[in-house]
Amino acid sequence: MPITKSARTLVDEAMAQVTTYSVAEVQARLQEPGVQIVDIRDIRELNDGTVVGAFHAPRGMLEFWVDPDSPYHKPLFADESKEFILFCGAGWRSALAAKALQDMGMTNVAHIDGGWGEWVKAGAPTETLEAQKARRQAKG
């Protein structure tokens, strides 16, 4: 059976329907209590580090972690006072993921244009996995 819609077309359609922020826009909002950055990259991609304060939710589990009726639900995603800003490596998976969450009914979701690649290129704040784990343990 031939593919009738390319992955690029799906990404373009998602981009037209979701809120997209530049790295600079997200950087300006990092300290806001209502902003939660979500790293949806594969665990193997995290060896390069992540955005300071990001919560890791692998793309393959995201919808299950968001759904309160799922046995995998993460309470963080039930916080309607937060805006969840997703990112991946280049902004394609995060666009598709943001669209999927919107399709589930979330209105407080967006993504970062260019993803991790643009974040690093802009010199935005990053942390190693070890630093992230230590920060989380210190919070209790």
N, C-alpha and C. Protein backbone atom coordinates (compact mmCIF):
# COMPACT_ATOMS: atom_id res chain seq x y z
N MET A 1 0.85 -1.17 0.00
CA MET A 1 0.00 0.00 0.00
C MET A 1 0.91 1.24 0.00
N PRO A 2 0.68 2.16 -0.93
CA PRO A 2 1.53 3.35 -0.99
C PRO A 2 1.19 4.36 0.11
N ILE A 3 2.20 5.06 0.55
CA ILE A 3 2.02 6.14 1.52
C ILE A 3 1.32 7.29 0.79
N THR A 4 0.23 7.78 1.36
CA THR A 4 -0.52 8.86 0.71
C THR A 4 -0.25 10.22 1.32
N LYS A 5 0.42 10.23 2.47
CA LYS A 5 0.76 11.48 3.13
C LYS A 5 2.15 11.31 3.75
N SER A 6 3.06 12.17 3.40
CA SER A 6 4.43 12.04 3.89
C SER A 6 4.53 12.51 5.34
N ALA A 7 5.62 12.10 5.98
CA ALA A 7 5.89 12.55 7.35
C ALA A 7 6.03 14.07 7.36
N ARG A 8 6.67 14.62 6.34
CA ARG A 8 6.84 16.08 6.27
C ARG A 8 5.48 16.77 6.19
N THR A 9 4.54 16.20 5.44
CA THR A 9 3.20 16.78 5.34
C THR A 9 2.52 16.75 6.70
N LEU A 10 2.66 15.65 7.43
CA LEU A 10 2.07 15.56 8.77
C LEU A 10 2.66 16.63 9.68
N VAL A 11 3.96 16.82 9.61
CA VAL A 11 4.62 17.84 10.43
C VAL A 11 4.12 19.23 10.04
N ASP A 12 4.06 19.50 8.75
CA ASP A 12 3.58 20.81 8.29
C ASP A 12 2.15 21.08 8.75
N GLU A 13 1.30 20.07 8.67
CA GLU A 13 -0.09 20.22 9.14
C GLU A 13 -0.13 20.49 10.64
N ALA A 14 0.69 19.77 11.39
CA ALA A 14 0.74 19.98 12.84
C ALA A 14 1.24 21.39 13.15
N MET A 15 2.29 21.82 12.47
CA MET A 15 2.85 23.16 12.70
C MET A 15 1.81 24.25 12.47
N ALA A 16 0.91 24.02 11.54
CA ALA A 16 -0.13 25.01 11.24
C ALA A 16 -1.20 25.05 12.32
N GLN A 17 -1.23 24.04 13.20
CA GLN A 17 -2.30 23.93 14.18
C GLN A 17 -1.87 24.07 15.63
N VAL A 18 -0.57 24.10 15.87
CA VAL A 18 -0.10 24.19 17.26
C VAL A 18 0.66 25.49 17.49
N THR A 19 0.75 25.87 18.75
CA THR A 19 1.53 27.05 19.11
C THR A 19 3.00 26.70 19.05
N THR A 20 3.75 27.53 18.35
CA THR A 20 5.18 27.32 18.19
C THR A 20 5.92 28.53 18.73
N TYR A 21 6.86 28.28 19.63
CA TYR A 21 7.68 29.35 20.20
C TYR A 21 9.11 29.24 19.69
N SER A 22 9.74 30.39 19.54
CA SER A 22 11.17 30.41 19.23
C SER A 22 11.94 30.12 20.51
N VAL A 23 13.21 29.79 20.36
CA VAL A 23 14.06 29.56 21.53
C VAL A 23 14.08 30.83 22.39
N ALA A 24 14.22 31.98 21.77
CA ALA A 24 14.27 33.24 22.52
C ALA A 24 12.99 33.47 23.32
N GLU A 25 11.84 33.16 22.74
CA GLU A 25 10.58 33.32 23.46
C GLU A 25 10.51 32.42 24.68
N VAL A 26 10.98 31.20 24.54
CA VAL A 26 10.95 30.26 25.67
C VAL A 26 11.97 30.68 26.72
N GLN A 27 13.16 31.08 26.30
CA GLN A 27 14.17 31.53 27.25
C GLN A 27 13.64 32.66 28.12
N ALA A 28 12.91 33.57 27.52
CA ALA A 28 12.37 34.72 28.26
C ALA A 28 11.35 34.29 29.30
N ARG A 29 10.81 33.08 29.18
CA ARG A 29 9.76 32.62 30.08
C ARG A 29 10.21 31.50 31.01
N LEU A 30 11.47 31.13 30.98
CA LEU A 30 11.95 29.97 31.75
C LEU A 30 11.66 30.05 33.24
N GLN A 31 11.70 31.22 33.83
CA GLN A 31 11.51 31.34 35.27
C GLN A 31 10.05 31.46 35.68
N GLU A 32 9.15 31.53 34.72
CA GLU A 32 7.73 31.65 35.05
C GLU A 32 7.24 30.35 35.68
N PRO A 33 6.52 30.43 36.79
CA PRO A 33 6.06 29.21 37.45
C PRO A 33 5.05 28.41 36.61
N GLY A 34 4.40 29.05 35.67
CA GLY A 34 3.40 28.36 34.86
C GLY A 34 3.95 27.69 33.62
N VAL A 35 5.26 27.69 33.45
CA VAL A 35 5.87 27.08 32.27
C VAL A 35 6.58 25.79 32.66
N GLN A 36 6.26 24.71 31.94
CA GLN A 36 6.96 23.44 32.14
C GLN A 36 7.50 22.98 30.80
N ILE A 37 8.82 22.93 30.69
CA ILE A 37 9.47 22.44 29.48
C ILE A 37 9.45 20.91 29.54
N VAL A 38 9.12 20.28 28.42
CA VAL A 38 9.03 18.82 28.37
C VAL A 38 9.92 18.31 27.22
N ASP A 39 10.90 17.53 27.58
CA ASP A 39 11.82 16.92 26.63
C ASP A 39 11.24 15.58 26.19
N ILE A 40 10.84 15.48 24.93
CA ILE A 40 10.21 14.23 24.46
C ILE A 40 11.18 13.34 23.70
N ARG A 41 12.45 13.69 23.72
CA ARG A 41 13.43 12.90 22.98
C ARG A 41 13.61 11.51 23.60
N ASP A 42 14.14 10.62 22.80
CA ASP A 42 14.47 9.28 23.23
C ASP A 42 15.55 9.35 24.32
N ILE A 43 15.51 8.43 25.24
CA ILE A 43 16.46 8.42 26.36
C ILE A 43 17.90 8.48 25.87
N ARG A 44 18.20 7.85 24.73
CA ARG A 44 19.58 7.86 24.21
C ARG A 44 20.02 9.25 23.79
N GLU A 45 19.06 10.11 23.42
CA GLU A 45 19.40 11.47 23.01
C GLU A 45 19.76 12.37 24.20
N LEU A 46 19.40 11.94 25.39
CA LEU A 46 19.65 12.77 26.57
C LEU A 46 21.11 12.78 27.00
N ASN A 47 21.92 11.93 26.41
CA ASN A 47 23.35 11.93 26.73
C ASN A 47 24.00 13.27 26.38
N ASP A 48 23.39 14.01 25.47
CA ASP A 48 23.90 15.33 25.09
C ASP A 48 23.48 16.41 26.09
N GLY A 49 22.62 16.06 27.04
CA GLY A 49 22.09 17.02 28.00
C GLY A 49 20.65 17.34 27.69
N THR A 50 20.11 18.30 28.44
CA THR A 50 18.72 18.70 28.25
C THR A 50 18.58 20.17 28.66
N VAL A 51 17.39 20.69 28.46
CA VAL A 51 17.10 22.07 28.88
C VAL A 51 16.99 22.10 30.40
N VAL A 52 17.56 23.11 31.00
CA VAL A 52 17.51 23.24 32.46
C VAL A 52 16.04 23.25 32.91
N GLY A 53 15.73 22.36 33.85
CA GLY A 53 14.38 22.29 34.40
C GLY A 53 13.39 21.48 33.59
N ALA A 54 13.83 20.88 32.49
CA ALA A 54 12.91 20.10 31.65
C ALA A 54 12.49 18.81 32.35
N PHE A 55 11.28 18.39 32.04
CA PHE A 55 10.77 17.10 32.50
C PHE A 55 10.87 16.16 31.30
N HIS A 56 11.46 14.99 31.48
CA HIS A 56 11.58 14.04 30.37
C HIS A 56 10.34 13.17 30.28
N ALA A 57 9.69 13.21 29.13
CA ALA A 57 8.53 12.36 28.83
C ALA A 57 8.75 11.79 27.44
N PRO A 58 9.25 10.57 27.34
CA PRO A 58 9.56 10.02 26.03
C PRO A 58 8.35 10.03 25.10
N ARG A 59 8.61 10.35 23.85
CA ARG A 59 7.54 10.49 22.86
C ARG A 59 6.63 9.26 22.84
N GLY A 60 7.18 8.11 23.00
CA GLY A 60 6.39 6.89 22.94
C GLY A 60 5.41 6.71 24.10
N MET A 61 5.61 7.45 25.18
CA MET A 61 4.73 7.33 26.35
C MET A 61 3.90 8.56 26.61
N LEU A 62 4.13 9.63 25.87
CA LEU A 62 3.54 10.93 26.19
C LEU A 62 2.02 10.89 26.35
N GLU A 63 1.32 10.36 25.39
CA GLU A 63 -0.14 10.34 25.48
C GLU A 63 -0.62 9.55 26.69
N PHE A 64 0.09 8.48 27.02
CA PHE A 64 -0.29 7.66 28.18
C PHE A 64 0.00 8.38 29.49
N TRP A 65 1.08 9.15 29.53
CA TRP A 65 1.41 9.91 30.73
C TRP A 65 0.45 11.07 30.94
N VAL A 66 -0.10 11.61 29.87
CA VAL A 66 -1.03 12.74 29.95
C VAL A 66 -2.45 12.29 30.33
N ASP A 67 -2.86 11.14 29.86
CA ASP A 67 -4.23 10.65 30.05
C ASP A 67 -4.47 10.23 31.51
N PRO A 68 -5.37 10.94 32.22
CA PRO A 68 -5.61 10.59 33.63
C PRO A 68 -6.23 9.20 33.82
N ASP A 69 -6.79 8.62 32.77
CA ASP A 69 -7.37 7.28 32.87
C ASP A 69 -6.37 6.17 32.54
N SER A 70 -5.16 6.56 32.16
CA SER A 70 -4.14 5.59 31.82
C SER A 70 -3.44 5.11 33.09
N PRO A 71 -3.07 3.84 33.14
CA PRO A 71 -2.30 3.37 34.30
C PRO A 71 -0.91 4.00 34.37
N TYR A 72 -0.49 4.67 33.32
CA TYR A 72 0.84 5.30 33.27
C TYR A 72 0.79 6.80 33.54
N HIS A 73 -0.38 7.31 33.87
CA HIS A 73 -0.58 8.76 34.05
C HIS A 73 0.43 9.36 35.03
N LYS A 74 0.95 10.54 34.65
CA LYS A 74 1.84 11.32 35.53
C LYS A 74 1.07 12.55 35.99
N PRO A 75 0.88 12.73 37.28
CA PRO A 75 0.08 13.85 37.81
C PRO A 75 0.54 15.23 37.33
N LEU A 76 1.81 15.39 37.02
CA LEU A 76 2.30 16.67 36.53
C LEU A 76 1.44 17.19 35.38
N PHE A 77 1.03 16.30 34.50
CA PHE A 77 0.30 16.71 33.30
C PHE A 77 -1.16 17.09 33.59
N ALA A 78 -1.62 16.86 34.79
CA ALA A 78 -2.98 17.25 35.17
C ALA A 78 -3.04 18.70 35.66
N ASP A 79 -1.90 19.34 35.78
CA ASP A 79 -1.83 20.71 36.28
C ASP A 79 -2.22 21.69 35.18
N GLU A 80 -3.46 22.11 35.19
CA GLU A 80 -3.99 22.98 34.15
C GLU A 80 -3.47 24.41 34.24
N SER A 81 -2.76 24.73 35.33
CA SER A 81 -2.19 26.07 35.46
C SER A 81 -0.88 26.20 34.69
N LYS A 82 -0.36 25.09 34.21
CA LYS A 82 0.91 25.10 33.48
C LYS A 82 0.69 25.10 31.97
N GLU A 83 1.66 25.69 31.28
CA GLU A 83 1.74 25.53 29.84
C GLU A 83 2.90 24.57 29.60
N PHE A 84 2.64 23.49 28.90
CA PHE A 84 3.64 22.47 28.62
C PHE A 84 4.24 22.76 27.26
N ILE A 85 5.54 23.09 27.27
CA ILE A 85 6.24 23.43 26.03
C ILE A 85 7.18 22.27 25.70
N LEU A 86 6.85 21.56 24.64
CA LEU A 86 7.56 20.35 24.24
C LEU A 86 8.74 20.68 23.34
N PHE A 87 9.76 19.84 23.41
CA PHE A 87 10.83 19.93 22.41
C PHE A 87 11.39 18.55 22.13
N CYS A 88 11.94 18.42 20.93
CA CYS A 88 12.62 17.20 20.50
C CYS A 88 13.95 17.62 19.90
N GLY A 89 14.49 16.84 19.01
CA GLY A 89 15.78 17.17 18.41
C GLY A 89 15.74 18.34 17.44
N ALA A 90 14.72 18.37 16.59
CA ALA A 90 14.66 19.38 15.53
C ALA A 90 13.31 20.10 15.44
N GLY A 91 12.35 19.71 16.26
CA GLY A 91 11.04 20.37 16.24
C GLY A 91 9.97 19.65 15.45
N TRP A 92 10.31 18.53 14.85
CA TRP A 92 9.31 17.80 14.08
C TRP A 92 8.47 16.90 14.98
N ARG A 93 9.12 16.08 15.79
CA ARG A 93 8.38 15.20 16.70
C ARG A 93 7.56 16.00 17.70
N SER A 94 8.13 17.11 18.15
CA SER A 94 7.40 17.92 19.14
C SER A 94 6.16 18.56 18.53
N ALA A 95 6.22 18.92 17.25
CA ALA A 95 5.03 19.46 16.58
C ALA A 95 3.95 18.38 16.52
N LEU A 96 4.33 17.17 16.12
CA LEU A 96 3.37 16.07 16.06
C LEU A 96 2.83 15.73 17.45
N ALA A 97 3.70 15.75 18.45
CA ALA A 97 3.28 15.45 19.82
C ALA A 97 2.33 16.52 20.35
N ALA A 98 2.64 17.78 20.11
CA ALA A 98 1.75 18.86 20.56
C ALA A 98 0.39 18.73 19.89
N LYS A 99 0.38 18.38 18.62
CA LYS A 99 -0.90 18.18 17.89
C LYS A 99 -1.66 17.02 18.51
N ALA A 100 -0.98 15.93 18.83
CA ALA A 100 -1.65 14.77 19.44
C ALA A 100 -2.27 15.15 20.78
N LEU A 101 -1.55 15.94 21.59
CA LEU A 101 -2.09 16.35 22.89
C LEU A 101 -3.27 17.31 22.71
N GLN A 102 -3.19 18.16 21.71
CA GLN A 102 -4.34 19.02 21.41
C GLN A 102 -5.54 18.17 21.01
N ASP A 103 -5.29 17.14 20.20
CA ASP A 103 -6.37 16.24 19.79
C ASP A 103 -6.98 15.53 20.99
N MET A 104 -6.20 15.36 22.06
CA MET A 104 -6.70 14.75 23.29
C MET A 104 -7.48 15.74 24.14
N GLY A 105 -7.42 17.03 23.78
CA GLY A 105 -8.16 18.04 24.51
C GLY A 105 -7.32 19.05 25.27
N MET A 106 -6.01 18.89 25.26
CA MET A 106 -5.15 19.85 25.96
C MET A 106 -5.10 21.16 25.17
N THR A 107 -5.27 22.24 25.87
CA THR A 107 -5.15 23.55 25.23
C THR A 107 -3.90 24.28 25.71
N ASN A 108 -3.25 23.73 26.72
CA ASN A 108 -2.08 24.37 27.33
C ASN A 108 -0.78 23.69 26.90
N VAL A 109 -0.63 23.50 25.58
CA VAL A 109 0.54 22.82 25.04
C VAL A 109 1.07 23.58 23.84
N ALA A 110 2.40 23.59 23.71
CA ALA A 110 3.07 24.25 22.60
C ALA A 110 4.38 23.49 22.35
N HIS A 111 5.18 23.98 21.40
CA HIS A 111 6.48 23.36 21.19
C HIS A 111 7.50 24.39 20.74
N ILE A 112 8.77 24.00 20.79
CA ILE A 112 9.88 24.89 20.46
C ILE A 112 10.33 24.65 19.02
N ASP A 113 10.31 25.70 18.24
CA ASP A 113 10.75 25.64 16.84
C ASP A 113 12.23 25.29 16.79
N GLY A 114 12.57 24.26 16.06
CA GLY A 114 13.97 23.87 15.92
C GLY A 114 14.49 22.97 17.00
N GLY A 115 13.70 22.79 18.08
CA GLY A 115 14.04 21.85 19.13
C GLY A 115 15.40 22.04 19.77
N TRP A 116 15.96 20.93 20.22
CA TRP A 116 17.23 20.92 20.93
C TRP A 116 18.34 21.53 20.08
N GLY A 117 18.34 21.24 18.79
CA GLY A 117 19.38 21.77 17.92
C GLY A 117 19.43 23.29 17.95
N GLU A 118 18.29 23.94 17.87
CA GLU A 118 18.23 25.40 17.92
C GLU A 118 18.53 25.92 19.32
N TRP A 119 18.10 25.17 20.33
CA TRP A 119 18.35 25.56 21.72
C TRP A 119 19.86 25.67 21.97
N VAL A 120 20.58 24.64 21.57
CA VAL A 120 22.03 24.60 21.76
C VAL A 120 22.70 25.67 20.90
N LYS A 121 22.28 25.79 19.67
CA LYS A 121 22.85 26.79 18.75
C LYS A 121 22.71 28.21 19.32
N ALA A 122 21.61 28.47 20.02
CA ALA A 122 21.36 29.79 20.60
C ALA A 122 22.12 30.00 21.92
N GLY A 123 22.76 28.95 22.41
CA GLY A 123 23.48 29.07 23.68
C GLY A 123 22.56 29.16 24.88
N ALA A 124 21.35 28.64 24.73
CA ALA A 124 20.37 28.65 25.82
C ALA A 124 20.83 27.68 26.92
N PRO A 125 20.33 27.85 28.16
CA PRO A 125 20.83 27.05 29.28
C PRO A 125 20.50 25.56 29.16
N THR A 126 21.54 24.76 29.39
CA THR A 126 21.40 23.30 29.36
C THR A 126 21.99 22.73 30.63
N GLU A 127 21.69 21.46 30.88
CA GLU A 127 22.28 20.76 32.01
C GLU A 127 22.49 19.31 31.63
N THR A 128 23.44 18.68 32.28
CA THR A 128 23.67 17.26 32.06
C THR A 128 22.58 16.46 32.78
N LEU A 129 22.47 15.21 32.43
CA LEU A 129 21.51 14.34 33.13
C LEU A 129 21.87 14.23 34.61
N GLU A 130 23.16 14.16 34.90
CA GLU A 130 23.59 14.05 36.29
C GLU A 130 23.18 15.29 37.08
N ALA A 131 23.36 16.48 36.49
CA ALA A 131 22.97 17.72 37.16
C ALA A 131 21.46 17.77 37.35
N GLN A 132 20.73 17.31 36.36
CA GLN A 132 19.26 17.31 36.47
C GLN A 132 18.82 16.38 37.59
N LYS A 133 19.40 15.19 37.66
CA LYS A 133 19.04 14.24 38.72
C LYS A 133 19.37 14.80 40.10
N ALA A 134 20.52 15.43 40.22
CA ALA A 134 20.92 16.02 41.51
C ALA A 134 19.97 17.14 41.91
N ARG A 135 19.56 17.96 40.95
CA ARG A 135 18.63 19.06 41.24
C ARG A 135 17.29 18.51 41.71
N ARG A 136 16.81 17.46 41.06
CA ARG A 136 15.53 16.86 41.43
C ARG A 136 15.60 16.23 42.82
N GLN A 137 16.71 15.55 43.11
CA GLN A 137 16.87 14.92 44.43
C GLN A 137 16.94 15.98 45.53
N ALA A 138 17.56 17.11 45.23
CA ALA A 138 17.67 18.19 46.21
C ALA A 138 16.31 18.78 46.54
N LYS A 139 15.39 18.77 45.54
CA LYS A 139 14.03 19.28 45.76
C LYS A 139 13.25 18.35 46.69
N GLY A 140 13.61 17.08 46.66
CA GLY A 140 12.92 16.13 47.53
C GLY A 140 11.85 15.48 46.82
